[in-house]
N, C-alpha and C. Protein backbone atom coordinates (compact mmCIF):
# COMPACT_ATOMS: atom_id res chain seq x y z
N MET A 1 -69.06 110.95 -130.69
CA MET A 1 -68.71 109.58 -131.37
C MET A 1 -67.77 109.59 -131.85
N GLY A 2 -67.07 111.15 -132.82
CA GLY A 2 -66.15 110.86 -133.39
C GLY A 2 -64.57 110.75 -132.43
N ALA A 3 -64.81 111.23 -131.36
CA ALA A 3 -63.62 110.93 -130.38
C ALA A 3 -63.26 109.26 -130.26
N ARG A 4 -64.78 108.72 -129.94
CA ARG A 4 -64.70 107.10 -129.68
C ARG A 4 -64.30 106.70 -130.92
N THR A 5 -64.80 106.98 -132.01
CA THR A 5 -64.25 106.03 -133.04
C THR A 5 -62.77 106.09 -133.02
N ALA A 6 -62.14 107.37 -133.27
CA ALA A 6 -60.83 107.70 -133.27
C ALA A 6 -59.97 106.94 -132.15
N ARG A 7 -60.20 106.50 -130.75
CA ARG A 7 -60.20 105.77 -129.82
C ARG A 7 -59.98 104.08 -130.22
N SER A 8 -61.19 103.85 -131.33
CA SER A 8 -61.09 102.44 -131.31
C SER A 8 -60.22 102.43 -132.69
N ARG A 9 -59.75 102.89 -133.31
CA ARG A 9 -58.47 102.56 -134.46
C ARG A 9 -57.34 102.38 -133.72
N PRO A 10 -56.66 101.33 -134.35
CA PRO A 10 -55.27 100.94 -133.97
C PRO A 10 -54.41 102.16 -134.15
N ALA A 11 -53.49 102.01 -133.32
CA ALA A 11 -52.37 103.13 -133.86
C ALA A 11 -51.88 102.92 -135.06
N ALA A 12 -51.18 104.07 -135.78
CA ALA A 12 -50.61 103.87 -136.96
C ALA A 12 -49.45 103.14 -136.66
N LYS A 13 -48.88 101.94 -137.69
CA LYS A 13 -47.85 101.34 -137.72
C LYS A 13 -46.37 102.09 -138.26
N PRO A 14 -45.67 102.46 -137.23
CA PRO A 14 -44.24 102.97 -137.81
C PRO A 14 -43.79 102.70 -139.03
N ASP A 15 -43.53 103.30 -139.57
CA ASP A 15 -43.03 103.42 -141.29
C ASP A 15 -41.09 102.75 -140.84
N ALA A 16 -41.56 101.39 -141.35
CA ALA A 16 -40.19 100.43 -141.48
C ALA A 16 -39.09 101.02 -142.09
N LYS A 17 -39.45 101.60 -143.31
CA LYS A 17 -38.33 102.15 -144.08
C LYS A 17 -37.85 103.48 -143.37
N LEU A 18 -38.33 104.17 -142.88
CA LEU A 18 -38.02 105.42 -142.17
C LEU A 18 -37.30 104.80 -141.21
N LEU A 19 -37.55 103.76 -140.39
CA LEU A 19 -37.30 103.27 -138.88
C LEU A 19 -35.95 102.87 -139.22
N GLY A 20 -35.33 102.10 -140.48
CA GLY A 20 -34.47 101.47 -140.67
C GLY A 20 -33.38 102.39 -141.29
N ASP A 21 -33.56 103.52 -141.34
CA ASP A 21 -32.73 104.50 -141.81
C ASP A 21 -31.71 105.18 -140.62
N PRO A 22 -30.45 104.90 -140.56
CA PRO A 22 -29.80 105.15 -139.30
C PRO A 22 -29.99 106.99 -139.06
N ALA A 23 -30.27 107.68 -139.92
CA ALA A 23 -30.33 108.92 -139.74
C ALA A 23 -31.64 109.23 -138.87
N HIS A 24 -32.81 108.37 -138.87
CA HIS A 24 -34.00 108.71 -138.13
C HIS A 24 -33.65 108.76 -136.76
N ALA A 25 -34.34 109.85 -136.25
CA ALA A 25 -34.22 109.88 -135.06
C ALA A 25 -34.42 108.66 -133.84
N GLU A 26 -35.47 107.87 -134.72
CA GLU A 26 -35.82 106.83 -133.30
C GLU A 26 -35.12 105.37 -134.02
N PHE A 27 -33.88 105.52 -134.87
CA PHE A 27 -33.19 104.47 -135.25
C PHE A 27 -32.83 103.64 -134.30
N LYS A 28 -33.15 102.37 -134.38
CA LYS A 28 -32.32 101.13 -133.67
C LYS A 28 -31.75 100.12 -134.51
N ILE A 29 -30.65 99.87 -134.42
CA ILE A 29 -29.78 98.80 -135.20
C ILE A 29 -30.67 97.72 -135.46
N ALA A 30 -31.74 96.83 -133.87
CA ALA A 30 -32.36 95.99 -134.64
C ALA A 30 -33.49 96.39 -135.88
N ASP A 31 -33.82 97.24 -136.27
CA ASP A 31 -34.92 97.90 -137.05
C ASP A 31 -34.10 97.83 -138.48
N SER A 32 -32.65 98.10 -138.57
CA SER A 32 -31.79 97.97 -140.10
C SER A 32 -32.04 96.77 -140.65
N PRO A 33 -32.80 97.07 -142.16
CA PRO A 33 -32.64 95.88 -142.53
C PRO A 33 -30.91 95.13 -142.97
N PHE A 34 -30.33 96.10 -143.23
CA PHE A 34 -28.75 95.49 -143.24
C PHE A 34 -28.04 94.58 -141.96
N TYR A 35 -28.43 95.25 -140.78
CA TYR A 35 -28.13 94.51 -139.88
C TYR A 35 -28.80 93.17 -139.53
N LEU A 36 -30.12 93.26 -139.88
CA LEU A 36 -30.55 91.50 -140.18
C LEU A 36 -30.31 90.95 -141.10
N ILE A 37 -29.76 91.26 -142.30
CA ILE A 37 -29.30 90.42 -143.36
C ILE A 37 -27.56 90.04 -142.93
N VAL A 38 -26.98 90.75 -142.24
CA VAL A 38 -25.74 90.30 -141.74
C VAL A 38 -25.62 89.43 -140.64
N ARG A 39 -26.51 89.83 -139.49
CA ARG A 39 -26.85 88.37 -138.59
C ARG A 39 -27.28 87.37 -139.24
N THR A 40 -28.11 87.39 -140.08
CA THR A 40 -28.78 86.31 -140.64
C THR A 40 -27.42 85.41 -141.52
N ALA A 41 -26.87 86.13 -142.16
CA ALA A 41 -25.73 85.54 -142.85
C ALA A 41 -24.87 85.05 -141.91
N ARG A 42 -24.51 85.61 -140.94
CA ARG A 42 -23.46 85.29 -140.18
C ARG A 42 -24.18 83.93 -139.73
N ARG A 43 -25.23 83.73 -139.16
CA ARG A 43 -25.76 82.88 -138.30
C ARG A 43 -25.86 81.44 -138.94
N TYR A 44 -26.15 82.06 -140.27
CA TYR A 44 -26.01 80.95 -141.19
C TYR A 44 -24.60 80.10 -141.34
N GLU A 45 -23.44 81.20 -141.64
CA GLU A 45 -22.18 80.87 -142.15
C GLU A 45 -21.70 79.90 -140.64
N MET A 46 -21.83 80.26 -139.38
CA MET A 46 -21.77 79.70 -138.13
C MET A 46 -21.70 78.18 -138.26
N ASP A 47 -23.50 78.02 -138.77
CA ASP A 47 -23.61 76.83 -138.73
C ASP A 47 -23.12 75.87 -139.81
N MET A 48 -23.00 76.46 -140.86
CA MET A 48 -22.23 75.67 -142.09
C MET A 48 -20.77 75.44 -141.60
N GLU A 49 -20.10 76.47 -141.01
CA GLU A 49 -18.69 75.96 -140.57
C GLU A 49 -18.80 75.16 -139.72
N GLU A 50 -19.61 75.13 -138.73
CA GLU A 50 -19.58 73.85 -137.71
C GLU A 50 -19.85 72.30 -138.86
N ALA A 51 -21.01 72.62 -139.65
CA ALA A 51 -21.41 71.30 -140.32
C ALA A 51 -20.47 71.09 -141.35
N LEU A 52 -19.85 71.75 -142.01
CA LEU A 52 -18.79 71.31 -142.94
C LEU A 52 -17.36 70.93 -142.14
N ARG A 53 -17.08 71.30 -141.11
CA ARG A 53 -15.99 71.01 -140.26
C ARG A 53 -15.80 69.25 -140.51
N ARG A 54 -16.99 68.96 -140.20
CA ARG A 54 -17.06 67.32 -140.05
C ARG A 54 -16.83 66.62 -141.58
N ILE A 55 -16.90 67.59 -142.64
CA ILE A 55 -16.51 66.48 -143.86
C ILE A 55 -15.22 67.37 -144.45
N ASP A 56 -14.30 68.15 -143.26
CA ASP A 56 -12.91 68.31 -143.69
C ASP A 56 -13.36 69.68 -144.88
N MET A 57 -14.28 70.33 -144.90
CA MET A 57 -14.40 71.56 -145.73
C MET A 57 -14.51 73.15 -144.93
N ASP A 58 -14.54 73.84 -145.55
CA ASP A 58 -14.89 75.44 -144.70
C ASP A 58 -15.60 75.91 -145.62
N VAL A 59 -16.33 77.06 -145.41
CA VAL A 59 -17.48 77.85 -145.76
C VAL A 59 -16.53 78.57 -147.34
N PRO A 60 -15.51 79.06 -147.17
CA PRO A 60 -15.20 79.96 -148.60
C PRO A 60 -15.19 78.54 -149.66
N SER A 61 -14.44 77.78 -148.94
CA SER A 61 -13.99 76.24 -150.26
C SER A 61 -15.46 75.78 -150.88
N TRP A 62 -16.54 75.82 -150.01
CA TRP A 62 -17.94 75.12 -150.25
C TRP A 62 -18.39 76.10 -151.30
N ARG A 63 -18.25 77.34 -151.25
CA ARG A 63 -18.67 78.39 -152.23
C ARG A 63 -17.78 78.00 -153.39
N ALA A 64 -16.56 78.22 -153.22
CA ALA A 64 -15.65 78.45 -154.43
C ALA A 64 -16.18 76.90 -155.31
N ILE A 65 -16.23 76.21 -154.81
CA ILE A 65 -16.71 74.64 -155.24
C ILE A 65 -17.75 74.50 -156.12
N MET A 66 -18.84 75.31 -155.32
CA MET A 66 -20.52 75.19 -155.49
C MET A 66 -20.51 76.23 -157.01
N LEU A 67 -20.00 77.39 -157.07
CA LEU A 67 -19.53 77.94 -157.84
C LEU A 67 -19.08 77.60 -159.47
N VAL A 68 -17.69 76.57 -159.03
CA VAL A 68 -17.02 76.33 -160.36
C VAL A 68 -18.03 74.85 -160.82
N HIS A 69 -18.56 74.25 -159.97
CA HIS A 69 -19.64 73.13 -159.96
C HIS A 69 -20.72 73.54 -160.96
N GLU A 70 -21.21 74.87 -160.89
CA GLU A 70 -22.26 75.64 -161.51
C GLU A 70 -21.53 75.99 -162.78
N GLN A 71 -20.73 76.57 -163.16
CA GLN A 71 -19.93 77.19 -164.10
C GLN A 71 -18.79 76.40 -164.43
N ASN A 72 -18.44 75.45 -165.40
CA ASN A 72 -17.14 74.85 -165.23
C ASN A 72 -16.48 74.69 -166.79
N PRO A 73 -15.78 75.42 -166.65
CA PRO A 73 -14.90 75.91 -166.17
C PRO A 73 -15.14 77.32 -165.65
N SER A 74 -14.41 78.14 -165.08
CA SER A 74 -14.52 79.39 -164.27
C SER A 74 -13.19 79.98 -164.11
N SER A 75 -13.01 81.41 -164.53
CA SER A 75 -11.60 81.99 -163.87
C SER A 75 -11.69 82.18 -162.68
N VAL A 76 -10.68 82.33 -162.01
CA VAL A 76 -10.55 82.86 -160.60
C VAL A 76 -11.29 84.03 -160.07
N SER A 77 -11.17 85.30 -161.22
CA SER A 77 -11.72 86.21 -160.56
C SER A 77 -13.24 86.27 -161.35
N GLU A 78 -13.90 85.52 -162.39
CA GLU A 78 -15.16 85.10 -162.45
C GLU A 78 -15.66 84.43 -161.04
N ILE A 79 -14.87 83.49 -160.53
CA ILE A 79 -15.42 82.95 -158.79
C ILE A 79 -15.54 84.11 -158.05
N ALA A 80 -14.65 84.65 -157.56
CA ALA A 80 -14.46 85.96 -156.66
C ALA A 80 -15.58 86.72 -156.88
N ASP A 81 -15.85 87.06 -158.17
CA ASP A 81 -16.96 88.29 -158.49
C ASP A 81 -18.04 87.74 -158.30
N ARG A 82 -18.52 86.42 -158.45
CA ARG A 82 -19.80 85.70 -158.06
C ARG A 82 -20.02 85.43 -156.38
N ALA A 83 -18.69 85.26 -156.11
CA ALA A 83 -18.71 85.04 -154.46
C ALA A 83 -18.56 86.58 -153.65
N VAL A 84 -18.47 87.52 -154.39
CA VAL A 84 -18.01 88.75 -153.90
C VAL A 84 -16.82 88.74 -152.72
N THR A 85 -15.99 88.13 -153.17
CA THR A 85 -14.96 88.02 -152.16
C THR A 85 -13.54 88.54 -153.23
N ARG A 86 -12.61 89.12 -152.45
CA ARG A 86 -11.51 89.53 -152.89
C ARG A 86 -10.91 88.64 -153.87
N LEU A 87 -10.17 89.15 -154.78
CA LEU A 87 -9.30 88.10 -155.79
C LEU A 87 -8.33 87.35 -155.29
N SER A 88 -7.32 88.28 -154.13
CA SER A 88 -6.49 87.41 -153.56
C SER A 88 -7.08 86.37 -152.87
N THR A 89 -8.00 86.35 -151.69
CA THR A 89 -8.48 85.78 -150.87
C THR A 89 -9.16 84.30 -151.76
N MET A 90 -9.38 84.62 -153.00
CA MET A 90 -10.09 83.27 -153.61
C MET A 90 -9.10 82.69 -154.34
N THR A 91 -7.98 83.39 -154.49
CA THR A 91 -6.84 82.79 -155.32
C THR A 91 -6.03 81.88 -153.95
N ARG A 92 -6.10 82.35 -153.20
CA ARG A 92 -5.78 81.28 -152.03
C ARG A 92 -6.71 79.82 -151.71
N VAL A 93 -8.14 80.30 -151.64
CA VAL A 93 -9.42 79.20 -151.58
C VAL A 93 -8.73 78.45 -152.61
N ILE A 94 -8.92 78.71 -153.85
CA ILE A 94 -8.28 77.77 -155.31
C ILE A 94 -7.25 77.15 -154.87
N GLN A 95 -6.19 77.35 -154.52
CA GLN A 95 -5.00 76.93 -154.58
C GLN A 95 -5.37 75.68 -153.28
N ARG A 96 -6.11 76.11 -152.17
CA ARG A 96 -6.37 74.83 -151.15
C ARG A 96 -7.03 73.83 -151.99
N LEU A 97 -8.13 74.00 -152.64
CA LEU A 97 -9.02 73.26 -153.17
C LEU A 97 -8.17 72.45 -154.57
N GLU A 98 -7.15 72.80 -155.04
CA GLU A 98 -6.47 72.16 -156.03
C GLU A 98 -5.27 71.18 -154.96
N LYS A 99 -4.78 71.77 -154.23
CA LYS A 99 -3.92 70.99 -153.30
C LYS A 99 -4.71 69.44 -152.94
N ARG A 100 -5.76 69.73 -152.94
CA ARG A 100 -6.99 68.51 -152.33
C ARG A 100 -7.21 67.70 -153.43
N GLY A 101 -7.11 68.01 -154.68
CA GLY A 101 -7.17 67.42 -156.08
C GLY A 101 -9.06 67.72 -156.37
N LEU A 102 -9.32 68.83 -155.86
CA LEU A 102 -10.83 69.18 -155.96
C LEU A 102 -11.28 69.77 -157.48
N VAL A 103 -10.04 70.73 -157.46
CA VAL A 103 -10.04 71.55 -159.07
C VAL A 103 -8.68 71.27 -159.75
N LYS A 104 -8.65 71.83 -161.04
CA LYS A 104 -7.48 71.48 -161.72
C LYS A 104 -7.48 72.97 -162.19
N LEU A 105 -6.08 73.64 -162.28
CA LEU A 105 -5.90 74.63 -162.88
C LEU A 105 -5.55 74.79 -164.33
N ASP A 106 -5.85 75.49 -165.44
CA ASP A 106 -5.01 75.72 -166.79
C ASP A 106 -5.29 76.88 -167.06
N THR A 107 -4.42 77.58 -168.14
CA THR A 107 -4.55 78.72 -168.68
C THR A 107 -5.83 78.67 -169.62
N ARG A 108 -6.31 79.89 -169.96
CA ARG A 108 -7.42 79.96 -170.78
C ARG A 108 -6.93 79.79 -172.25
N ALA A 109 -7.52 79.35 -173.09
CA ALA A 109 -7.07 79.35 -174.15
C ALA A 109 -6.86 80.48 -175.22
N ALA A 110 -7.85 80.94 -175.10
CA ALA A 110 -8.15 82.42 -175.72
C ALA A 110 -7.25 83.47 -175.12
N ASP A 111 -6.86 83.24 -173.81
CA ASP A 111 -6.14 84.59 -173.05
C ASP A 111 -5.19 83.65 -172.08
N ALA A 112 -3.98 83.54 -172.32
CA ALA A 112 -3.09 82.93 -171.20
C ALA A 112 -3.02 83.62 -170.27
N ARG A 113 -3.24 84.94 -169.89
CA ARG A 113 -3.11 85.65 -168.57
C ARG A 113 -4.36 85.27 -167.62
N VAL A 114 -5.12 84.42 -168.00
CA VAL A 114 -6.49 84.15 -167.07
C VAL A 114 -5.95 82.84 -166.65
N THR A 115 -6.07 82.35 -165.33
CA THR A 115 -6.31 80.77 -165.23
C THR A 115 -7.79 80.73 -164.68
N GLU A 116 -7.91 79.41 -165.37
CA GLU A 116 -9.22 78.78 -165.54
C GLU A 116 -9.04 78.01 -164.52
N VAL A 117 -10.37 77.49 -163.87
CA VAL A 117 -10.55 76.50 -163.05
C VAL A 117 -11.50 75.16 -163.07
N PHE A 118 -10.98 74.29 -162.93
CA PHE A 118 -11.59 73.33 -163.88
C PHE A 118 -12.00 72.36 -162.35
N ILE A 119 -13.38 71.63 -162.19
CA ILE A 119 -13.89 70.66 -161.14
C ILE A 119 -13.20 69.40 -161.30
N THR A 120 -12.91 68.71 -160.83
CA THR A 120 -12.30 67.12 -160.69
C THR A 120 -13.62 66.36 -160.68
N PRO A 121 -13.13 65.19 -161.03
CA PRO A 121 -14.34 64.00 -160.66
C PRO A 121 -14.70 63.95 -159.02
N HIS A 122 -13.26 63.82 -158.30
CA HIS A 122 -13.11 64.22 -156.80
C HIS A 122 -13.69 65.23 -156.50
N GLY A 123 -13.61 66.49 -156.87
CA GLY A 123 -14.24 67.44 -156.35
C GLY A 123 -16.00 67.07 -156.96
N GLU A 124 -16.19 66.52 -157.61
CA GLU A 124 -17.91 66.41 -157.92
C GLU A 124 -18.17 65.74 -156.91
N LYS A 125 -17.55 64.73 -156.59
CA LYS A 125 -18.21 63.78 -155.30
C LYS A 125 -17.98 64.46 -153.94
N VAL A 126 -17.45 65.68 -153.45
CA VAL A 126 -17.14 66.43 -152.49
C VAL A 126 -18.42 67.39 -152.52
N VAL A 127 -18.76 67.81 -154.03
CA VAL A 127 -20.00 68.76 -154.06
C VAL A 127 -21.21 68.11 -153.62
N GLU A 128 -21.32 66.54 -153.98
CA GLU A 128 -22.39 65.99 -153.56
C GLU A 128 -22.65 65.79 -151.88
N GLN A 129 -21.29 65.58 -150.88
CA GLN A 129 -21.49 65.78 -149.50
C GLN A 129 -21.94 67.07 -149.21
N VAL A 130 -21.19 68.24 -149.65
CA VAL A 130 -21.44 69.42 -149.20
C VAL A 130 -22.86 70.08 -149.31
N ARG A 131 -23.37 69.58 -150.65
CA ARG A 131 -24.92 69.85 -150.70
C ARG A 131 -25.40 69.04 -149.83
N ALA A 132 -25.59 67.66 -149.60
CA ALA A 132 -25.99 67.05 -148.43
C ALA A 132 -25.96 67.92 -147.08
N VAL A 133 -25.19 67.97 -146.66
CA VAL A 133 -24.72 69.04 -145.30
C VAL A 133 -25.60 70.42 -145.59
N ALA A 134 -25.61 71.23 -146.78
CA ALA A 134 -26.03 72.27 -146.79
C ALA A 134 -27.63 72.47 -147.00
N SER A 135 -28.31 71.20 -147.63
CA SER A 135 -29.56 70.97 -147.61
C SER A 135 -30.54 70.74 -146.13
N ARG A 136 -29.67 70.10 -145.20
CA ARG A 136 -30.01 69.98 -144.07
C ARG A 136 -30.30 71.18 -143.08
N ILE A 137 -29.16 72.18 -143.58
CA ILE A 137 -29.42 73.51 -143.08
C ILE A 137 -30.33 74.15 -143.47
N TYR A 138 -30.63 73.92 -144.86
CA TYR A 138 -31.42 74.91 -145.48
C TYR A 138 -33.32 74.39 -144.94
N GLN A 139 -33.20 72.94 -145.12
CA GLN A 139 -34.50 72.23 -144.77
C GLN A 139 -35.03 72.87 -143.29
N SER A 140 -33.90 73.09 -142.48
CA SER A 140 -34.17 73.19 -141.01
C SER A 140 -34.47 74.71 -141.02
N THR A 141 -33.85 75.52 -141.47
CA THR A 141 -34.54 77.07 -141.56
C THR A 141 -35.39 77.37 -142.51
N PHE A 142 -35.92 76.79 -143.21
CA PHE A 142 -37.20 77.05 -144.30
C PHE A 142 -38.01 76.36 -144.16
N LYS A 143 -38.12 75.44 -142.80
CA LYS A 143 -39.20 74.51 -142.72
C LYS A 143 -40.79 75.22 -142.72
N ASP A 144 -40.66 76.36 -141.99
CA ASP A 144 -41.92 76.95 -141.92
C ASP A 144 -42.34 78.28 -142.80
N LEU A 145 -41.48 78.43 -143.77
CA LEU A 145 -41.92 78.93 -144.93
C LEU A 145 -42.33 78.70 -146.08
N SER A 146 -43.24 79.23 -147.08
CA SER A 146 -43.72 78.62 -148.10
C SER A 146 -42.95 78.66 -149.42
N ALA A 147 -43.19 78.19 -150.28
CA ALA A 147 -42.33 78.25 -151.35
C ALA A 147 -42.72 80.09 -151.84
N ALA A 148 -43.83 80.47 -152.26
CA ALA A 148 -44.07 82.16 -152.51
C ALA A 148 -43.22 82.77 -151.45
N GLU A 149 -43.03 82.28 -150.26
CA GLU A 149 -42.31 83.37 -149.40
C GLU A 149 -40.77 83.34 -149.38
N VAL A 150 -40.39 82.02 -149.80
CA VAL A 150 -38.76 81.86 -150.45
C VAL A 150 -38.55 82.62 -151.48
N GLU A 151 -39.56 82.61 -152.67
CA GLU A 151 -39.41 83.23 -153.69
C GLU A 151 -39.45 84.65 -153.35
N THR A 152 -40.12 85.47 -152.52
CA THR A 152 -40.40 86.67 -152.51
C THR A 152 -39.18 87.01 -151.39
N LEU A 153 -38.83 86.38 -150.64
CA LEU A 153 -37.62 86.87 -150.04
C LEU A 153 -36.23 86.75 -151.14
N ASN A 154 -36.06 85.63 -151.77
CA ASN A 154 -34.87 85.60 -153.07
C ASN A 154 -35.21 87.05 -153.91
N SER A 155 -36.41 87.62 -154.17
CA SER A 155 -36.58 88.73 -155.15
C SER A 155 -36.14 89.77 -154.42
N LEU A 156 -36.36 90.11 -153.07
CA LEU A 156 -36.20 91.16 -152.21
C LEU A 156 -34.75 91.28 -152.17
N LEU A 157 -33.85 90.27 -151.70
CA LEU A 157 -32.44 90.11 -151.67
C LEU A 157 -31.98 90.31 -152.77
N LEU A 158 -32.20 89.78 -153.68
CA LEU A 158 -31.56 90.28 -155.12
C LEU A 158 -31.98 91.91 -155.45
N ARG A 159 -32.98 92.12 -155.38
CA ARG A 159 -33.16 93.74 -155.55
C ARG A 159 -32.16 94.68 -154.76
N VAL A 160 -32.34 94.58 -153.49
CA VAL A 160 -31.31 94.98 -152.42
C VAL A 160 -29.63 94.62 -153.35
N PHE A 161 -29.50 93.69 -153.42
CA PHE A 161 -28.09 93.34 -153.76
C PHE A 161 -27.64 94.26 -154.92
N ASN A 162 -28.66 94.29 -155.84
CA ASN A 162 -28.09 95.09 -157.10
C ASN A 162 -28.56 96.59 -157.37
N SER A 163 -29.13 96.87 -156.11
CA SER A 163 -29.21 98.24 -155.59
C SER A 163 -28.13 98.63 -154.84
N LEU A 164 -27.04 97.70 -154.25
CA LEU A 164 -25.55 98.13 -153.85
C LEU A 164 -24.64 98.60 -154.70
């Protein structure tokens, strides 16, 4: 009877945390959370690139203008930090946004070494456009997930980010 009971039990599920570790003997890249995060992020970025191109915008500019919209003004280094982007790269992105009249630059009153970025009224109109584009992708991507699942996903991703 004991042998029959053992056969009827389902096989133990492999430990996903161990299998995701590159040092594990049975590691496969498809089991890596980092691989899945990067793959998902890159697919999203590709979809956003295509959608934003239609409104004469790119992903780095979209990210920067959204960050300034949320915290106006912001210094270039603050924007780069929140975007997890090199300062030199963000400086070029902000300069492109300035040339398009979407942001204006000024020195910080308390510290003239700091360049502050302010969103312009034209920039706010562009934010409305890019939010509509991003919303379509968001709605399509998360249509089968519940609010609780999205909350859990965000919580887990934040914990992983903060551990790095």
